[in-house]
Amino acid sequence: AVLKAGADKAAVNTAALRRPQLITEIAR
């Protein structure tokens, strides 16, 4: 959603600490 709104990259913190696999899901 933020990429569609115009961002080129997304920063994650809280959700990634709680579920590190999120990093891989976004990268894929």
PDB file of all heavy atoms in Angstrom:
ATOM      1  N   ALA A   1       0.825  -1.213   0.000  1.00  0.00           N
ATOM      2  CA  ALA A   1       0.000   0.000   0.000  1.00  0.00           C
ATOM      3  C   ALA A   1       0.855   1.257   0.000  1.00  0.00           C
ATOM      4  O   ALA A   1       0.545   2.226  -0.721  1.00  0.00           O
ATOM      5  CB  ALA A   1      -0.938  -0.015   1.200  1.00  0.00           C
ATOM      6  N   VAL A   2       1.927   1.301   0.814  1.00  0.00           N
ATOM      7  CA  VAL A   2       2.759   2.514   0.823  1.00  0.00           C
ATOM      8  C   VAL A   2       3.587   2.618  -0.453  1.00  0.00           C
ATOM      9  O   VAL A   2       3.863   3.725  -0.925  1.00  0.00           O
ATOM     10  CB  VAL A   2       3.651   2.608   2.083  1.00  0.00           C
ATOM     11  CG1 VAL A   2       2.818   2.733   3.334  1.00  0.00           C
ATOM     12  CG2 VAL A   2       4.640   1.470   2.183  1.00  0.00           C
ATOM     13  N   LEU A   3       3.953   1.477  -1.041  1.00  0.00           N
ATOM     14  CA  LEU A   3       4.658   1.521  -2.323  1.00  0.00           C
ATOM     15  C   LEU A   3       3.739   2.063  -3.413  1.00  0.00           C
ATOM     16  O   LEU A   3       4.143   2.871  -4.249  1.00  0.00           O
ATOM     17  CB  LEU A   3       5.173   0.136  -2.702  1.00  0.00           C
ATOM     18  CG  LEU A   3       6.209  -0.499  -1.764  1.00  0.00           C
ATOM     19  CD1 LEU A   3       6.613  -1.880  -2.277  1.00  0.00           C
ATOM     20  CD2 LEU A   3       7.439   0.387  -1.605  1.00  0.00           C
ATOM     21  N   LYS A   4       2.490   1.633  -3.387  1.00  0.00           N
ATOM     22  CA  LYS A   4       1.519   2.130  -4.368  1.00  0.00           C
ATOM     23  C   LYS A   4       1.288   3.622  -4.197  1.00  0.00           C
ATOM     24  O   LYS A   4       1.054   4.352  -5.172  1.00  0.00           O
ATOM     25  CB  LYS A   4       0.208   1.360  -4.215  1.00  0.00           C
ATOM     26  CG  LYS A   4      -0.832   1.700  -5.272  1.00  0.00           C
ATOM     27  CD  LYS A   4      -2.081   0.840  -5.125  1.00  0.00           C
ATOM     28  CE  LYS A   4      -3.114   1.175  -6.188  1.00  0.00           C
ATOM     29  NZ  LYS A   4      -4.339   0.331  -6.033  1.00  0.00           N
ATOM     30  N   ALA A   5       1.370   4.109  -2.956  1.00  0.00           N
ATOM     31  CA  ALA A   5       1.168   5.537  -2.697  1.00  0.00           C
ATOM     32  C   ALA A   5       2.369   6.373  -3.112  1.00  0.00           C
ATOM     33  O   ALA A   5       2.273   7.606  -3.137  1.00  0.00           O
ATOM     34  CB  ALA A   5       0.874   5.756  -1.217  1.00  0.00           C
ATOM     35  N   GLY A   6       3.503   5.721  -3.406  1.00  0.00           N
ATOM     36  CA  GLY A   6       4.655   6.475  -3.908  1.00  0.00           C
ATOM     37  C   GLY A   6       5.977   6.206  -3.246  1.00  0.00           C
ATOM     38  O   GLY A   6       7.009   6.710  -3.701  1.00  0.00           O
ATOM     39  N   ALA A   7       5.999   5.436  -2.156  1.00  0.00           N
ATOM     40  CA  ALA A   7       7.275   5.124  -1.506  1.00  0.00           C
ATOM     41  C   ALA A   7       8.083   4.165  -2.373  1.00  0.00           C
ATOM     42  O   ALA A   7       7.518   3.369  -3.129  1.00  0.00           O
ATOM     43  CB  ALA A   7       7.037   4.515  -0.130  1.00  0.00           C
ATOM     44  N   ASP A   8       9.391   4.246  -2.264  1.00  0.00           N
ATOM     45  CA  ASP A   8      10.290   3.321  -2.957  1.00  0.00           C
ATOM     46  C   ASP A   8      10.738   2.181  -2.054  1.00  0.00           C
ATOM     47  O   ASP A   8      11.070   1.099  -2.530  1.00  0.00           O
ATOM     48  CB  ASP A   8      11.531   4.081  -3.458  1.00  0.00           C
ATOM     49  CG  ASP A   8      11.157   5.195  -4.402  1.00  0.00           C
ATOM     50  OD1 ASP A   8      10.962   4.916  -5.594  1.00  0.00           O
ATOM     51  OD2 ASP A   8      11.058   6.352  -3.945  1.00  0.00           O
ATOM     52  N   LYS A   9      10.758   2.458  -0.741  1.00  0.00           N
ATOM     53  CA  LYS A   9      11.192   1.465   0.240  1.00  0.00           C
ATOM     54  C   LYS A   9      10.283   1.567   1.461  1.00  0.00           C
ATOM     55  O   LYS A   9       9.652   2.601   1.691  1.00  0.00           O
ATOM     56  CB  LYS A   9      12.658   1.712   0.646  1.00  0.00           C
ATOM     57  CG  LYS A   9      13.646   1.513  -0.483  1.00  0.00           C
ATOM     58  CD  LYS A   9      15.079   1.784  -0.057  1.00  0.00           C
ATOM     59  CE  LYS A   9      15.406   3.259  -0.051  1.00  0.00           C
ATOM     60  NZ  LYS A   9      16.853   3.525   0.176  1.00  0.00           N
ATOM     61  N   ALA A  10      10.261   0.477   2.245  1.00  0.00           N
ATOM     62  CA  ALA A  10       9.420   0.442   3.440  1.00  0.00           C
ATOM     63  C   ALA A  10      10.267   0.076   4.640  1.00  0.00           C
ATOM     64  O   ALA A  10      11.086  -0.848   4.583  1.00  0.00           O
ATOM     65  CB  ALA A  10       8.290  -0.564   3.271  1.00  0.00           C
ATOM     66  N   ALA A  11      10.074   0.803   5.744  1.00  0.00           N
ATOM     67  CA  ALA A  11      10.796   0.524   6.986  1.00  0.00           C
ATOM     68  C   ALA A  11       9.877  -0.219   7.947  1.00  0.00           C
ATOM     69  O   ALA A  11       8.741   0.205   8.177  1.00  0.00           O
ATOM     70  CB  ALA A  11      11.288   1.826   7.628  1.00  0.00           C
ATOM     71  N   VAL A  12      10.371  -1.319   8.495  1.00  0.00           N
ATOM     72  CA  VAL A  12       9.594  -2.110   9.455  1.00  0.00           C
ATOM     73  C   VAL A  12      10.402  -2.279  10.734  1.00  0.00           C
ATOM     74  O   VAL A  12      11.622  -2.397  10.702  1.00  0.00           O
ATOM     75  CB  VAL A  12       9.211  -3.488   8.873  1.00  0.00           C
ATOM     76  CG1 VAL A  12       8.209  -3.338   7.741  1.00  0.00           C
ATOM     77  CG2 VAL A  12      10.443  -4.267   8.409  1.00  0.00           C
ATOM     78  N   ASN A  13       9.695  -2.293  11.854  1.00  0.00           N
ATOM     79  CA  ASN A  13      10.352  -2.482  13.146  1.00  0.00           C
ATOM     80  C   ASN A  13       9.525  -3.420  14.018  1.00  0.00           C
ATOM     81  O   ASN A  13       9.827  -4.600  14.152  1.00  0.00           O
ATOM     82  CB  ASN A  13      10.577  -1.146  13.850  1.00  0.00           C
ATOM     83  CG  ASN A  13      11.251  -1.303  15.197  1.00  0.00           C
ATOM     84  OD1 ASN A  13      11.831  -2.335  15.499  1.00  0.00           O
ATOM     85  ND2 ASN A  13      11.172  -0.291  16.040  1.00  0.00           N
ATOM     86  N   THR A  14       8.443  -2.910  14.601  1.00  0.00           N
ATOM     87  CA  THR A  14       7.663  -3.665  15.574  1.00  0.00           C
ATOM     88  C   THR A  14       7.220  -5.024  15.034  1.00  0.00           C
ATOM     89  O   THR A  14       7.426  -6.063  15.673  1.00  0.00           O
ATOM     90  CB  THR A  14       6.433  -2.852  16.013  1.00  0.00           C
ATOM     91  OG1 THR A  14       6.864  -1.599  16.552  1.00  0.00           O
ATOM     92  CG2 THR A  14       5.637  -3.610  17.062  1.00  0.00           C
ATOM     93  N   ALA A  15       6.588  -5.031  13.868  1.00  0.00           N
ATOM     94  CA  ALA A  15       6.057  -6.278  13.319  1.00  0.00           C
ATOM     95  C   ALA A  15       7.171  -7.272  13.005  1.00  0.00           C
ATOM     96  O   ALA A  15       6.991  -8.483  13.151  1.00  0.00           O
ATOM     97  CB  ALA A  15       5.236  -5.991  12.069  1.00  0.00           C
ATOM     98  N   ALA A  16       8.335  -6.758  12.576  1.00  0.00           N
ATOM     99  CA  ALA A  16       9.452  -7.650  12.264  1.00  0.00           C
ATOM    100  C   ALA A  16      10.045  -8.252  13.531  1.00  0.00           C
ATOM    101  O   ALA A  16      10.451  -9.424  13.542  1.00  0.00           O
ATOM    102  CB  ALA A  16      10.521  -6.892  11.481  1.00  0.00           C
ATOM    103  N   LEU A  17      10.107  -7.474  14.609  1.00  0.00           N
ATOM    104  CA  LEU A  17      10.591  -8.020  15.880  1.00  0.00           C
ATOM    105  C   LEU A  17       9.658  -9.115  16.386  1.00  0.00           C
ATOM    106  O   LEU A  17      10.104 -10.131  16.933  1.00  0.00           O
ATOM    107  CB  LEU A  17      10.703  -6.906  16.924  1.00  0.00           C
ATOM    108  CG  LEU A  17      11.926  -5.994  16.819  1.00  0.00           C
ATOM    109  CD1 LEU A  17      11.734  -4.759  17.689  1.00  0.00           C
ATOM    110  CD2 LEU A  17      13.195  -6.735  17.226  1.00  0.00           C
ATOM    111  N   ARG A  18       8.372  -8.919  16.196  1.00  0.00           N
ATOM    112  CA  ARG A  18       7.401  -9.907  16.666  1.00  0.00           C
ATOM    113  C   ARG A  18       7.389 -11.142  15.779  1.00  0.00           C
ATOM    114  O   ARG A  18       7.171 -12.264  16.252  1.00  0.00           O
ATOM    115  CB  ARG A  18       6.005  -9.282  16.717  1.00  0.00           C
ATOM    116  CG  ARG A  18       5.854  -8.223  17.796  1.00  0.00           C
ATOM    117  CD  ARG A  18       4.506  -7.532  17.713  1.00  0.00           C
ATOM    118  NE  ARG A  18       4.316  -6.597  18.816  1.00  0.00           N
ATOM    119  CZ  ARG A  18       3.328  -5.704  18.861  1.00  0.00           C
ATOM    120  NH1 ARG A  18       2.459  -5.609  17.858  1.00  0.00           N
ATOM    121  NH2 ARG A  18       3.208  -4.882  19.901  1.00  0.00           N
ATOM    122  N   ARG A  19       7.619 -10.935  14.477  1.00  0.00           N
ATOM    123  CA  ARG A  19       7.576 -12.057  13.533  1.00  0.00           C
ATOM    124  C   ARG A  19       8.634 -11.824  12.466  1.00  0.00           C
ATOM    125  O   ARG A  19       8.362 -11.262  11.410  1.00  0.00           O
ATOM    126  CB  ARG A  19       6.179 -12.169  12.914  1.00  0.00           C
ATOM    127  CG  ARG A  19       5.935 -13.473  12.175  1.00  0.00           C
ATOM    128  CD  ARG A  19       4.479 -13.612  11.769  1.00  0.00           C
ATOM    129  NE  ARG A  19       4.101 -12.635  10.774  1.00  0.00           N
ATOM    130  CZ  ARG A  19       4.287 -12.805   9.452  1.00  0.00           C
ATOM    131  NH1 ARG A  19       4.866 -13.885   8.987  1.00  0.00           N
ATOM    132  NH2 ARG A  19       3.892 -11.867   8.613  1.00  0.00           N
ATOM    133  N   PRO A  20       9.879 -12.237  12.722  1.00  0.00           N
ATOM    134  CA  PRO A  20      10.984 -11.948  11.805  1.00  0.00           C
ATOM    135  C   PRO A  20      10.762 -12.434  10.377  1.00  0.00           C
ATOM    136  O   PRO A  20      11.310 -11.841   9.439  1.00  0.00           O
ATOM    137  CB  PRO A  20      12.162 -12.666  12.464  1.00  0.00           C
ATOM    138  CG  PRO A  20      11.826 -12.682  13.919  1.00  0.00           C
ATOM    139  CD  PRO A  20      10.342 -12.885  13.967  1.00  0.00           C
ATOM    140  N   GLN A  21       9.962 -13.473  10.191  1.00  0.00           N
ATOM    141  CA  GLN A  21       9.719 -13.978   8.845  1.00  0.00           C
ATOM    142  C   GLN A  21       9.092 -12.930   7.937  1.00  0.00           C
ATOM    143  O   GLN A  21       9.161 -13.019   6.706  1.00  0.00           O
ATOM    144  CB  GLN A  21       8.815 -15.216   8.909  1.00  0.00           C
ATOM    145  CG  GLN A  21       8.622 -15.946   7.590  1.00  0.00           C
ATOM    146  CD  GLN A  21       9.916 -16.484   7.004  1.00  0.00           C
ATOM    147  OE1 GLN A  21      10.872 -16.737   7.749  1.00  0.00           O
ATOM    148  NE2 GLN A  21       9.966 -16.637   5.689  1.00  0.00           N
ATOM    149  N   LEU A  22       8.506 -11.891   8.524  1.00  0.00           N
ATOM    150  CA  LEU A  22       7.932 -10.803   7.723  1.00  0.00           C
ATOM    151  C   LEU A  22       8.973 -10.189   6.798  1.00  0.00           C
ATOM    152  O   LEU A  22       8.656  -9.802   5.663  1.00  0.00           O
ATOM    153  CB  LEU A  22       7.349  -9.729   8.645  1.00  0.00           C
ATOM    154  CG  LEU A  22       6.818  -8.467   7.966  1.00  0.00           C
ATOM    155  CD1 LEU A  22       5.655  -8.777   7.039  1.00  0.00           C
ATOM    156  CD2 LEU A  22       6.414  -7.425   9.011  1.00  0.00           C
ATOM    157  N   ILE A  23      10.203 -10.098   7.260  1.00  0.00           N
ATOM    158  CA  ILE A  23      11.272  -9.521   6.433  1.00  0.00           C
ATOM    159  C   ILE A  23      11.417 -10.307   5.139  1.00  0.00           C
ATOM    160  O   ILE A  23      11.493  -9.742   4.045  1.00  0.00           O
ATOM    161  CB  ILE A  23      12.603  -9.503   7.215  1.00  0.00           C
ATOM    162  CG1 ILE A  23      12.474  -8.634   8.468  1.00  0.00           C
ATOM    163  CG2 ILE A  23      13.748  -9.014   6.328  1.00  0.00           C
ATOM    164  CD1 ILE A  23      13.646  -8.768   9.431  1.00  0.00           C
ATOM    165  N   THR A  24      11.443 -11.625   5.254  1.00  0.00           N
ATOM    166  CA  THR A  24      11.573 -12.478   4.078  1.00  0.00           C
ATOM    167  C   THR A  24      10.359 -12.364   3.170  1.00  0.00           C
ATOM    168  O   THR A  24      10.482 -12.335   1.939  1.00  0.00           O
ATOM    169  CB  THR A  24      11.771 -13.939   4.509  1.00  0.00           C
ATOM    170  OG1 THR A  24      12.908 -14.020   5.371  1.00  0.00           O
ATOM    171  CG2 THR A  24      11.991 -14.844   3.310  1.00  0.00           C
ATOM    172  N   GLU A  25       9.181 -12.280   3.762  1.00  0.00           N
ATOM    173  CA  GLU A  25       7.956 -12.167   2.969  1.00  0.00           C
ATOM    174  C   GLU A  25       7.950 -10.889   2.136  1.00  0.00           C
ATOM    175  O   GLU A  25       7.573 -10.902   0.955  1.00  0.00           O
ATOM    176  CB  GLU A  25       6.735 -12.215   3.888  1.00  0.00           C
ATOM    177  CG  GLU A  25       6.533 -13.562   4.551  1.00  0.00           C
ATOM    178  CD  GLU A  25       5.475 -13.532   5.641  1.00  0.00           C
ATOM    179  OE1 GLU A  25       4.853 -12.457   5.845  1.00  0.00           O
ATOM    180  OE2 GLU A  25       5.267 -14.560   6.302  1.00  0.00           O
ATOM    181  N   ILE A  26       8.388  -9.793   2.732  1.00  0.00           N
ATOM    182  CA  ILE A  26       8.441  -8.527   1.985  1.00  0.00           C
ATOM    183  C   ILE A  26       9.499  -8.592   0.895  1.00  0.00           C
ATOM    184  O   ILE A  26       9.278  -8.151  -0.236  1.00  0.00           O
ATOM    185  CB  ILE A  26       8.712  -7.345   2.933  1.00  0.00           C
ATOM    186  CG1 ILE A  26       7.595  -7.215   3.971  1.00  0.00           C
ATOM    187  CG2 ILE A  26       8.846  -6.043   2.145  1.00  0.00           C
ATOM    188  CD1 ILE A  26       7.927  -6.235   5.090  1.00  0.00           C
ATOM    189  N   ALA A  27      10.655  -9.153   1.235  1.00  0.00           N
ATOM    190  CA  ALA A  27      11.738  -9.258   0.256  1.00  0.00           C
ATOM    191  C   ALA A  27      11.327 -10.107  -0.938  1.00  0.00           C
ATOM    192  O   ALA A  27      11.649  -9.796  -2.093  1.00  0.00           O
ATOM    193  CB  ALA A  27      12.983  -9.832   0.920  1.00  0.00           C
ATOM    194  N   ARG A  28      10.615 -11.196  -0.681  1.00  0.00           N
ATOM    195  CA  ARG A  28      10.166 -12.058  -1.779  1.00  0.00           C
ATOM    196  C   ARG A  28       9.111 -11.373  -2.637  1.00  0.00           C
ATOM    197  O   ARG A  28       9.064 -11.557  -3.854  1.00  0.00           O
ATOM    198  CB  ARG A  28       9.610 -13.365  -1.218  1.00  0.00           C
ATOM    199  CG  ARG A  28      10.687 -14.311  -0.700  1.00  0.00           C
ATOM    200  CD  ARG A  28      10.086 -15.543  -0.057  1.00  0.00           C
ATOM    201  NE  ARG A  28      11.125 -16.483   0.367  1.00  0.00           N
ATOM    202  CZ  ARG A  28      10.909 -17.534   1.139  1.00  0.00           C
ATOM    203  NH1 ARG A  28       9.672 -17.793   1.587  1.00  0.00           N
ATOM    204  NH2 ARG A  28      11.899 -18.331   1.484  1.00  0.00           N
TER     205      ARG A  28
END
